[in-house]
Amino acid sequence: SVEDLELIQEEDTNPSVDTSLDHEEDDKEIDEPQSDINPIRKSTRTRRAPDRMCLYIDAEQHELGDLGEPANYKVALLDPESKKWLDAMNVEMQSMKDND
């Protein structure tokens, strides 16, 4: 009905809460200096460049290739366990022939 529409329109135009005071309070909060902000603190840790790919490793202490194996055929035959080395070489060569 027309009366209901008029009542709804009146409610919409007359807000129940006065918002003008809220804006003034918000402005006061913004104007106040914020005392709880701490200044930025810089790190006191000393900086150093990272070791790239372990460039400073002492090669004598970390020889990865030396596993107690003879360097070549001649050294293998002079080794006290030359029979084992010779047998291992023969087995390896036979394996390569079989897989060829």
PDB file of N, CA and C in Angstrom:
ATOM      1  N   SER A   1       0.835  -1.187   0.000  1.00  0.00           N
ATOM      2  CA  SER A   1       0.000   0.000   0.000  1.00  0.00           C
ATOM      3  C   SER A   1       0.877   1.246   0.000  1.00  0.00           C
ATOM      4  N   VAL A   2       0.262   2.371  -0.244  1.00  0.00           N
ATOM      5  CA  VAL A   2       0.968   3.640  -0.348  1.00  0.00           C
ATOM      6  C   VAL A   2       1.509   4.052   1.019  1.00  0.00           C
ATOM      7  N   GLU A   3       0.785   3.773   2.061  1.00  0.00           N
ATOM      8  CA  GLU A   3       1.229   4.126   3.401  1.00  0.00           C
ATOM      9  C   GLU A   3       2.510   3.366   3.778  1.00  0.00           C
ATOM     10  N   ASP A   4       2.577   2.097   3.396  1.00  0.00           N
ATOM     11  CA  ASP A   4       3.774   1.296   3.685  1.00  0.00           C
ATOM     12  C   ASP A   4       4.989   1.847   2.943  1.00  0.00           C
ATOM     13  N   LEU A   5       4.779   2.238   1.684  1.00  0.00           N
ATOM     14  CA  LEU A   5       5.881   2.792   0.902  1.00  0.00           C
ATOM     15  C   LEU A   5       6.376   4.098   1.511  1.00  0.00           C
ATOM     16  N   GLU A   6       5.451   4.936   1.958  1.00  0.00           N
ATOM     17  CA  GLU A   6       5.850   6.195   2.571  1.00  0.00           C
ATOM     18  C   GLU A   6       6.627   5.940   3.868  1.00  0.00           C
ATOM     19  N   LEU A   7       6.227   4.953   4.617  1.00  0.00           N
ATOM     20  CA  LEU A   7       6.898   4.617   5.865  1.00  0.00           C
ATOM     21  C   LEU A   7       8.325   4.115   5.588  1.00  0.00           C
ATOM     22  N   ILE A   8       8.481   3.285   4.580  1.00  0.00           N
ATOM     23  CA  ILE A   8       9.803   2.770   4.218  1.00  0.00           C
ATOM     24  C   ILE A   8      10.698   3.905   3.744  1.00  0.00           C
ATOM     25  N   GLN A   9      10.146   4.826   2.955  1.00  0.00           N
ATOM     26  CA  GLN A   9      10.943   5.945   2.453  1.00  0.00           C
ATOM     27  C   GLN A   9      11.400   6.840   3.605  1.00  0.00           C
ATOM     28  N   GLU A  10      10.541   7.052   4.589  1.00  0.00           N
ATOM     29  CA  GLU A  10      10.907   7.868   5.734  1.00  0.00           C
ATOM     30  C   GLU A  10      12.036   7.206   6.526  1.00  0.00           C
ATOM     31  N   GLU A  11      11.986   5.894   6.676  1.00  0.00           N
ATOM     32  CA  GLU A  11      13.040   5.184   7.407  1.00  0.00           C
ATOM     33  C   GLU A  11      14.380   5.304   6.675  1.00  0.00           C
ATOM     34  N   ASP A  12      14.337   5.234   5.346  1.00  0.00           N
ATOM     35  CA  ASP A  12      15.570   5.322   4.564  1.00  0.00           C
ATOM     36  C   ASP A  12      16.193   6.713   4.638  1.00  0.00           C
ATOM     37  N   THR A  13      15.376   7.755   4.696  1.00  0.00           N
ATOM     38  CA  THR A  13      15.916   9.110   4.697  1.00  0.00           C
ATOM     39  C   THR A  13      16.330   9.568   6.082  1.00  0.00           C
ATOM     40  N   ASN A  14      15.874   8.921   7.106  1.00  0.00           N
ATOM     41  CA  ASN A  14      16.216   9.294   8.470  1.00  0.00           C
ATOM     42  C   ASN A  14      17.041   8.163   9.110  1.00  0.00           C
ATOM     43  N   PRO A  15      18.316   8.213   9.006  1.00  0.00           N
ATOM     44  CA  PRO A  15      19.117   7.133   9.606  1.00  0.00           C
ATOM     45  C   PRO A  15      18.990   7.167  11.124  1.00  0.00           C
ATOM     46  N   SER A  16      19.013   6.006  11.717  1.00  0.00           N
ATOM     47  CA  SER A  16      18.812   5.915  13.157  1.00  0.00           C
ATOM     48  C   SER A  16      20.082   6.281  13.934  1.00  0.00           C
ATOM     49  N   VAL A  17      21.251   6.237  13.279  1.00  0.00           N
ATOM     50  CA  VAL A  17      22.501   6.560  13.959  1.00  0.00           C
ATOM     51  C   VAL A  17      23.092   7.798  13.318  1.00  0.00           C
ATOM     52  N   ASP A  18      23.515   8.730  14.137  1.00  0.00           N
ATOM     53  CA  ASP A  18      24.139   9.946  13.622  1.00  0.00           C
ATOM     54  C   ASP A  18      25.613   9.633  13.369  1.00  0.00           C
ATOM     55  N   THR A  19      25.997   9.631  12.109  1.00  0.00           N
ATOM     56  CA  THR A  19      27.365   9.241  11.750  1.00  0.00           C
ATOM     57  C   THR A  19      28.321  10.422  11.719  1.00  0.00           C
ATOM     58  N   SER A  20      27.857  11.615  11.880  1.00  0.00           N
ATOM     59  CA  SER A  20      28.742  12.776  11.814  1.00  0.00           C
ATOM     60  C   SER A  20      29.740  12.772  12.973  1.00  0.00           C
ATOM     61  N   LEU A  21      29.337  12.288  14.126  1.00  0.00           N
ATOM     62  CA  LEU A  21      30.244  12.227  15.265  1.00  0.00           C
ATOM     63  C   LEU A  21      31.345  11.194  15.043  1.00  0.00           C
ATOM     64  N   ASP A  22      31.018  10.120  14.387  1.00  0.00           N
ATOM     65  CA  ASP A  22      32.005   9.070  14.126  1.00  0.00           C
ATOM     66  C   ASP A  22      33.151   9.605  13.277  1.00  0.00           C
ATOM     67  N   HIS A  23      32.844  10.427  12.300  1.00  0.00           N
ATOM     68  CA  HIS A  23      33.891  10.967  11.432  1.00  0.00           C
ATOM     69  C   HIS A  23      34.827  11.892  12.204  1.00  0.00           C
ATOM     70  N   GLU A  24      34.268  12.660  13.122  1.00  0.00           N
ATOM     71  CA  GLU A  24      35.111  13.554  13.908  1.00  0.00           C
ATOM     72  C   GLU A  24      36.053  12.742  14.801  1.00  0.00           C
ATOM     73  N   GLU A  25      35.559  11.666  15.371  1.00  0.00           N
ATOM     74  CA  GLU A  25      36.404  10.823  16.216  1.00  0.00           C
ATOM     75  C   GLU A  25      37.510  10.168  15.393  1.00  0.00           C
ATOM     76  N   ASP A  26      37.180   9.743  14.173  1.00  0.00           N
ATOM     77  CA  ASP A  26      38.186   9.142  13.294  1.00  0.00           C
ATOM     78  C   ASP A  26      39.281  10.148  12.977  1.00  0.00           C
ATOM     79  N   ASP A  27      38.883  11.410  12.733  1.00  0.00           N
ATOM     80  CA  ASP A  27      39.865  12.442  12.417  1.00  0.00           C
ATOM     81  C   ASP A  27      40.795  12.680  13.608  1.00  0.00           C
ATOM     82  N   LYS A  28      40.265  12.636  14.804  1.00  0.00           N
ATOM     83  CA  LYS A  28      41.090  12.839  15.994  1.00  0.00           C
ATOM     84  C   LYS A  28      42.121  11.715  16.129  1.00  0.00           C
ATOM     85  N   GLU A  29      41.701  10.499  15.845  1.00  0.00           N
ATOM     86  CA  GLU A  29      42.623   9.367  15.947  1.00  0.00           C
ATOM     87  C   GLU A  29      43.757   9.496  14.938  1.00  0.00           C
ATOM     88  N   ILE A  30      43.469   9.989  13.773  1.00  0.00           N
ATOM     89  CA  ILE A  30      44.488  10.133  12.732  1.00  0.00           C
ATOM     90  C   ILE A  30      45.465  11.241  13.094  1.00  0.00           C
ATOM     91  N   ASP A  31      44.957  12.341  13.693  1.00  0.00           N
ATOM     92  CA  ASP A  31      45.798  13.483  14.002  1.00  0.00           C
ATOM     93  C   ASP A  31      46.766  13.203  15.154  1.00  0.00           C
ATOM     94  N   GLU A  32      46.438  12.259  16.026  1.00  0.00           N
ATOM     95  CA  GLU A  32      47.299  11.987  17.167  1.00  0.00           C
ATOM     96  C   GLU A  32      48.585  11.304  16.697  1.00  0.00           C
ATOM     97  N   PRO A  33      49.731  11.718  17.225  1.00  0.00           N
ATOM     98  CA  PRO A  33      50.987  11.060  16.823  1.00  0.00           C
ATOM     99  C   PRO A  33      51.020   9.629  17.358  1.00  0.00           C
ATOM    100  N   GLN A  34      51.552   8.741  16.564  1.00  0.00           N
ATOM    101  CA  GLN A  34      51.625   7.339  16.964  1.00  0.00           C
ATOM    102  C   GLN A  34      52.969   7.106  17.649  1.00  0.00           C
ATOM    103  N   SER A  35      52.905   6.895  18.940  1.00  0.00           N
ATOM    104  CA  SER A  35      54.136   6.774  19.717  1.00  0.00           C
ATOM    105  C   SER A  35      54.625   5.327  19.825  1.00  0.00           C
ATOM    106  N   ASP A  36      53.819   4.361  19.389  1.00  0.00           N
ATOM    107  CA  ASP A  36      54.226   2.971  19.544  1.00  0.00           C
ATOM    108  C   ASP A  36      55.025   2.441  18.349  1.00  0.00           C
ATOM    109  N   ILE A  37      55.384   3.288  17.393  1.00  0.00           N
ATOM    110  CA  ILE A  37      56.171   2.860  16.236  1.00  0.00           C
ATOM    111  C   ILE A  37      57.645   2.863  16.620  1.00  0.00           C
ATOM    112  N   ASN A  38      58.301   1.729  16.440  1.00  0.00           N
ATOM    113  CA  ASN A  38      59.720   1.600  16.758  1.00  0.00           C
ATOM    114  C   ASN A  38      60.552   1.940  15.527  1.00  0.00           C
ATOM    115  N   PRO A  39      61.700   2.555  15.715  1.00  0.00           N
ATOM    116  CA  PRO A  39      62.555   2.846  14.557  1.00  0.00           C
ATOM    117  C   PRO A  39      63.105   1.546  13.976  1.00  0.00           C
ATOM    118  N   ILE A  40      63.436   1.577  12.701  1.00  0.00           N
ATOM    119  CA  ILE A  40      63.968   0.388  12.029  1.00  0.00           C
ATOM    120  C   ILE A  40      65.344   0.078  12.588  1.00  0.00           C
ATOM    121  N   ARG A  41      65.539  -1.178  12.956  1.00  0.00           N
ATOM    122  CA  ARG A  41      66.804  -1.606  13.538  1.00  0.00           C
ATOM    123  C   ARG A  41      67.617  -2.342  12.482  1.00  0.00           C
ATOM    124  N   LYS A  42      68.849  -1.933  12.297  1.00  0.00           N
ATOM    125  CA  LYS A  42      69.709  -2.590  11.322  1.00  0.00           C
ATOM    126  C   LYS A  42      70.425  -3.760  11.977  1.00  0.00           C
ATOM    127  N   SER A  43      70.722  -4.761  11.183  1.00  0.00           N
ATOM    128  CA  SER A  43      71.408  -5.953  11.674  1.00  0.00           C
ATOM    129  C   SER A  43      72.843  -5.625  12.059  1.00  0.00           C
ATOM    130  N   THR A  44      73.292  -6.240  13.135  1.00  0.00           N
ATOM    131  CA  THR A  44      74.676  -6.046  13.571  1.00  0.00           C
ATOM    132  C   THR A  44      75.559  -7.210  13.139  1.00  0.00           C
ATOM    133  N   ARG A  45      74.970  -8.162  12.429  1.00  0.00           N
ATOM    134  CA  ARG A  45      75.718  -9.327  11.968  1.00  0.00           C
ATOM    135  C   ARG A  45      76.697  -8.920  10.879  1.00  0.00           C
ATOM    136  N   THR A  46      77.907  -9.453  10.944  1.00  0.00           N
ATOM    137  CA  THR A  46      78.890  -9.138   9.906  1.00  0.00           C
ATOM    138  C   THR A  46      78.576  -9.967   8.672  1.00  0.00           C
ATOM    139  N   ARG A  47      78.625  -9.321   7.532  1.00  0.00           N
ATOM    140  CA  ARG A  47      78.316  -9.994   6.276  1.00  0.00           C
ATOM    141  C   ARG A  47      79.591 -10.496   5.629  1.00  0.00           C
ATOM    142  N   ARG A  48      79.495 -11.676   5.020  1.00  0.00           N
ATOM    143  CA  ARG A  48      80.626 -12.194   4.262  1.00  0.00           C
ATOM    144  C   ARG A  48      80.080 -12.903   3.032  1.00  0.00           C
ATOM    145  N   ALA A  49      80.882 -12.934   1.996  1.00  0.00           N
ATOM    146  CA  ALA A  49      80.465 -13.570   0.753  1.00  0.00           C
ATOM    147  C   ALA A  49      80.403 -15.086   0.950  1.00  0.00           C
ATOM    148  N   PRO A  50      79.435 -15.764   0.318  1.00  0.00           N
ATOM    149  CA  PRO A  50      79.342 -17.220   0.458  1.00  0.00           C
ATOM    150  C   PRO A  50      80.479 -17.917  -0.279  1.00  0.00           C
ATOM    151  N   ASP A  51      80.858 -19.074   0.226  1.00  0.00           N
ATOM    152  CA  ASP A  51      81.879 -19.873  -0.448  1.00  0.00           C
ATOM    153  C   ASP A  51      81.235 -20.519  -1.669  1.00  0.00           C
ATOM    154  N   ARG A  52      81.644 -20.087  -2.833  1.00  0.00           N
ATOM    155  CA  ARG A  52      81.074 -20.598  -4.081  1.00  0.00           C
ATOM    156  C   ARG A  52      81.727 -21.917  -4.463  1.00  0.00           C
ATOM    157  N   MET A  53      80.947 -22.962  -4.515  1.00  0.00           N
ATOM    158  CA  MET A  53      81.384 -24.279  -4.978  1.00  0.00           C
ATOM    159  C   MET A  53      82.618 -24.779  -4.238  1.00  0.00           C
ATOM    160  N   CYS A  54      82.784 -24.406  -3.010  1.00  0.00           N
ATOM    161  CA  CYS A  54      83.891 -24.889  -2.169  1.00  0.00           C
ATOM    162  C   CYS A  54      85.245 -24.636  -2.817  1.00  0.00           C
ATOM    163  N   LEU A  55      85.501 -23.429  -3.246  1.00  0.00           N
ATOM    164  CA  LEU A  55      86.747 -23.107  -3.931  1.00  0.00           C
ATOM    165  C   LEU A  55      87.958 -23.167  -3.015  1.00  0.00           C
ATOM    166  N   TYR A  56      87.742 -23.117  -1.717  1.00  0.00           N
ATOM    167  CA  TYR A  56      88.864 -23.042  -0.800  1.00  0.00           C
ATOM    168  C   TYR A  56      89.176 -24.377  -0.117  1.00  0.00           C
ATOM    169  N   ILE A  57      88.684 -25.474  -0.657  1.00  0.00           N
ATOM    170  CA  ILE A  57      88.955 -26.782  -0.054  1.00  0.00           C
ATOM    171  C   ILE A  57      90.383 -27.184  -0.372  1.00  0.00           C
ATOM    172  N   ASP A  58      91.076 -27.679   0.617  1.00  0.00           N
ATOM    173  CA  ASP A  58      92.449 -28.139   0.429  1.00  0.00           C
ATOM    174  C   ASP A  58      92.408 -29.476  -0.310  1.00  0.00           C
ATOM    175  N   ALA A  59      92.963 -29.516  -1.522  1.00  0.00           N
ATOM    176  CA  ALA A  59      92.885 -30.701  -2.375  1.00  0.00           C
ATOM    177  C   ALA A  59      93.585 -31.901  -1.756  1.00  0.00           C
ATOM    178  N   GLU A  60      94.640 -31.685  -0.998  1.00  0.00           N
ATOM    179  CA  GLU A  60      95.363 -32.806  -0.404  1.00  0.00           C
ATOM    180  C   GLU A  60      94.513 -33.535   0.634  1.00  0.00           C
ATOM    181  N   GLN A  61      93.682 -32.811   1.345  1.00  0.00           N
ATOM    182  CA  GLN A  61      92.861 -33.429   2.379  1.00  0.00           C
ATOM    183  C   GLN A  61      91.628 -34.109   1.801  1.00  0.00           C
ATOM    184  N   HIS A  62      91.208 -33.705   0.611  1.00  0.00           N
ATOM    185  CA  HIS A  62      89.941 -34.186   0.069  1.00  0.00           C
ATOM    186  C   HIS A  62      90.103 -34.748  -1.339  1.00  0.00           C
ATOM    187  N   GLU A  63      91.005 -35.652  -1.524  1.00  0.00           N
ATOM    188  CA  GLU A  63      91.164 -36.265  -2.836  1.00  0.00           C
ATOM    189  C   GLU A  63      90.088 -37.326  -2.995  1.00  0.00           C
ATOM    190  N   LEU A  64      89.107 -37.039  -3.837  1.00  0.00           N
ATOM    191  CA  LEU A  64      87.980 -37.943  -4.003  1.00  0.00           C
ATOM    192  C   LEU A  64      88.322 -39.116  -4.913  1.00  0.00           C
ATOM    193  N   GLY A  65      89.305 -38.946  -5.793  1.00  0.00           N
ATOM    194  CA  GLY A  65      89.629 -39.998  -6.743  1.00  0.00           C
ATOM    195  C   GLY A  65      90.464 -41.113  -6.144  1.00  0.00           C
ATOM    196  N   ASP A  66      91.117 -40.893  -5.050  1.00  0.00           N
ATOM    197  CA  ASP A  66      92.001 -41.895  -4.466  1.00  0.00           C
ATOM    198  C   ASP A  66      91.201 -42.795  -3.531  1.00  0.00           C
ATOM    199  N   LEU A  67      90.846 -43.970  -4.022  1.00  0.00           N
ATOM    200  CA  LEU A  67      90.103 -44.924  -3.207  1.00  0.00           C
ATOM    201  C   LEU A  67      90.950 -46.156  -2.900  1.00  0.00           C
ATOM    202  N   GLY A  68      92.272 -46.013  -2.969  1.00  0.00           N
ATOM    203  CA  GLY A  68      93.152 -47.144  -2.731  1.00  0.00           C
ATOM    204  C   GLY A  68      93.324 -48.027  -3.958  1.00  0.00           C
ATOM    205  N   GLU A  69      92.882 -47.548  -5.116  1.00  0.00           N
ATOM    206  CA  GLU A  69      93.007 -48.317  -6.351  1.00  0.00           C
ATOM    207  C   GLU A  69      94.268 -47.892  -7.084  1.00  0.00           C
ATOM    208  N   PRO A  70      94.908 -48.822  -7.781  1.00  0.00           N
ATOM    209  CA  PRO A  70      96.093 -48.454  -8.556  1.00  0.00           C
ATOM    210  C   PRO A  70      95.733 -47.504  -9.692  1.00  0.00           C
ATOM    211  N   ALA A  71      96.659 -46.600 -10.015  1.00  0.00           N
ATOM    212  CA  ALA A  71      96.407 -45.588 -11.034  1.00  0.00           C
ATOM    213  C   ALA A  71      96.440 -46.165 -12.445  1.00  0.00           C
ATOM    214  N   ASN A  72      97.239 -47.223 -12.682  1.00  0.00           N
ATOM    215  CA  ASN A  72      97.331 -47.800 -14.029  1.00  0.00           C
ATOM    216  C   ASN A  72      97.672 -49.291 -13.939  1.00  0.00           C
ATOM    217  N   TYR A  73      97.802 -49.920 -15.094  1.00  0.00           N
ATOM    218  CA  TYR A  73      98.044 -51.366 -15.183  1.00  0.00           C
ATOM    219  C   TYR A  73      99.363 -51.759 -14.528  1.00  0.00           C
ATOM    220  N   LYS A  74     100.407 -50.984 -14.790  1.00  0.00           N
ATOM    221  CA  LYS A  74     101.739 -51.299 -14.257  1.00  0.00           C
ATOM    222  C   LYS A  74     101.738 -51.282 -12.723  1.00  0.00           C
ATOM    223  N   VAL A  75     101.111 -50.262 -12.151  1.00  0.00           N
ATOM    224  CA  VAL A  75     101.032 -50.151 -10.690  1.00  0.00           C
ATOM    225  C   VAL A  75     100.205 -51.305 -10.121  1.00  0.00           C
ATOM    226  N   ALA A  76      99.158 -51.715 -10.836  1.00  0.00           N
ATOM    227  CA  ALA A  76      98.327 -52.829 -10.371  1.00  0.00           C
ATOM    228  C   ALA A  76      99.123 -54.129 -10.321  1.00  0.00           C
ATOM    229  N   LEU A  77     100.001 -54.352 -11.321  1.00  0.00           N
ATOM    230  CA  LEU A  77     100.802 -55.583 -11.342  1.00  0.00           C
ATOM    231  C   LEU A  77     101.896 -55.581 -10.281  1.00  0.00           C
ATOM    232  N   LEU A  78     102.341 -54.402  -9.846  1.00  0.00           N
ATOM    233  CA  LEU A  78     103.364 -54.307  -8.801  1.00  0.00           C
ATOM    234  C   LEU A  78     102.763 -54.369  -7.390  1.00  0.00           C
ATOM    235  N   ASP A  79     101.447 -54.274  -7.296  1.00  0.00           N
ATOM    236  CA  ASP A  79     100.749 -54.298  -6.008  1.00  0.00           C
ATOM    237  C   ASP A  79     100.842 -55.696  -5.391  1.00  0.00           C
ATOM    238  N   PRO A  80     100.917 -55.796  -4.050  1.00  0.00           N
ATOM    239  CA  PRO A  80     100.950 -57.123  -3.418  1.00  0.00           C
ATOM    240  C   PRO A  80      99.711 -57.970  -3.738  1.00  0.00           C
ATOM    241  N   GLU A  81      98.600 -57.327  -4.036  1.00  0.00           N
ATOM    242  CA  GLU A  81      97.370 -58.055  -4.383  1.00  0.00           C
ATOM    243  C   GLU A  81      97.163 -58.060  -5.894  1.00  0.00           C
ATOM    244  N   SER A  82      98.247 -58.164  -6.656  1.00  0.00           N
ATOM    245  CA  SER A  82      98.169 -58.076  -8.115  1.00  0.00           C
ATOM    246  C   SER A  82      97.298 -59.175  -8.714  1.00  0.00           C
ATOM    247  N   LYS A  83      97.260 -60.355  -8.095  1.00  0.00           N
ATOM    248  CA  LYS A  83      96.436 -61.457  -8.616  1.00  0.00           C
ATOM    249  C   LYS A  83      94.964 -61.061  -8.605  1.00  0.00           C
ATOM    250  N   LYS A  84      94.505 -60.407  -7.523  1.00  0.00           N
ATOM    251  CA  LYS A  84      93.106 -59.961  -7.442  1.00  0.00           C
ATOM    252  C   LYS A  84      92.808 -58.906  -8.505  1.00  0.00           C
ATOM    253  N   TRP A  85      93.765 -57.955  -8.702  1.00  0.00           N
ATOM    254  CA  TRP A  85      93.561 -56.907  -9.698  1.00  0.00           C
ATOM    255  C   TRP A  85      93.506 -57.503 -11.098  1.00  0.00           C
ATOM    256  N   LEU A  86      94.378 -58.460 -11.384  1.00  0.00           N
ATOM    257  CA  LEU A  86      94.413 -59.090 -12.700  1.00  0.00           C
ATOM    258  C   LEU A  86      93.120 -59.859 -12.962  1.00  0.00           C
ATOM    259  N   ASP A  87      92.630 -60.579 -11.945  1.00  0.00           N
ATOM    260  CA  ASP A  87      91.361 -61.302 -12.083  1.00  0.00           C
ATOM    261  C   ASP A  87      90.203 -60.326 -12.316  1.00  0.00           C
ATOM    262  N   ALA A  88      90.178 -59.219 -11.587  1.00  0.00           N
ATOM    263  CA  ALA A  88      89.112 -58.223 -11.737  1.00  0.00           C
ATOM    264  C   ALA A  88      89.143 -57.602 -13.132  1.00  0.00           C
ATOM    265  N   MET A  89      90.357 -57.336 -13.654  1.00  0.00           N
ATOM    266  CA  MET A  89      90.471 -56.767 -15.005  1.00  0.00           C
ATOM    267  C   MET A  89      89.979 -57.757 -16.051  1.00  0.00           C
ATOM    268  N   ASN A  90      90.309 -59.036 -15.890  1.00  0.00           N
ATOM    269  CA  ASN A  90      89.865 -60.055 -16.849  1.00  0.00           C
ATOM    270  C   ASN A  90      88.348 -60.204 -16.835  1.00  0.00           C
ATOM    271  N   VAL A  91      87.741 -60.177 -15.648  1.00  0.00           N
ATOM    272  CA  VAL A  91      86.281 -60.262 -15.536  1.00  0.00           C
ATOM    273  C   VAL A  91      85.635 -59.060 -16.222  1.00  0.00           C
ATOM    274  N   GLU A  92      86.187 -57.876 -16.023  1.00  0.00           N
ATOM    275  CA  GLU A  92      85.637 -56.658 -16.630  1.00  0.00           C
ATOM    276  C   GLU A  92      85.756 -56.710 -18.150  1.00  0.00           C
ATOM    277  N   MET A  93      86.909 -57.158 -18.668  1.00  0.00           N
ATOM    278  CA  MET A  93      87.078 -57.237 -20.129  1.00  0.00           C
ATOM    279  C   MET A  93      86.145 -58.283 -20.731  1.00  0.00           C
ATOM    280  N   GLN A  94      85.926 -59.394 -20.033  1.00  0.00           N
ATOM    281  CA  GLN A  94      84.997 -60.419 -20.528  1.00  0.00           C
ATOM    282  C   GLN A  94      83.569 -59.865 -20.550  1.00  0.00           C
ATOM    283  N   SER A  95      83.211 -59.087 -19.531  1.00  0.00           N
ATOM    284  CA  SER A  95      81.882 -58.471 -19.482  1.00  0.00           C
ATOM    285  C   SER A  95      81.678 -57.518 -20.655  1.00  0.00           C
ATOM    286  N   MET A  96      82.714 -56.744 -20.990  1.00  0.00           N
ATOM    287  CA  MET A  96      82.601 -55.822 -22.135  1.00  0.00           C
ATOM    288  C   MET A  96      82.454 -56.592 -23.443  1.00  0.00           C
ATOM    289  N   LYS A  97      83.151 -57.728 -23.583  1.00  0.00           N
ATOM    290  CA  LYS A  97      83.026 -58.549 -24.799  1.00  0.00           C
ATOM    291  C   LYS A  97      81.628 -59.139 -24.905  1.00  0.00           C
ATOM    292  N   ASP A  98      81.084 -59.601 -23.770  1.00  0.00           N
ATOM    293  CA  ASP A  98      79.753 -60.210 -23.772  1.00  0.00           C
ATOM    294  C   ASP A  98      78.662 -59.193 -24.104  1.00  0.00           C
ATOM    295  N   ASN A  99      78.836 -57.969 -23.699  1.00  0.00           N
ATOM    296  CA  ASN A  99      77.824 -56.926 -23.920  1.00  0.00           C
ATOM    297  C   ASN A  99      77.986 -56.213 -25.252  1.00  0.00           C
ATOM    298  N   ASP A 100      79.007 -56.569 -26.013  1.00  0.00           N
ATOM    299  CA  ASP A 100      79.256 -55.886 -27.286  1.00  0.00           C
ATOM    300  C   ASP A 100      78.359 -56.336 -28.372  1.00  0.00           C
TER     301      ASP A 100
END
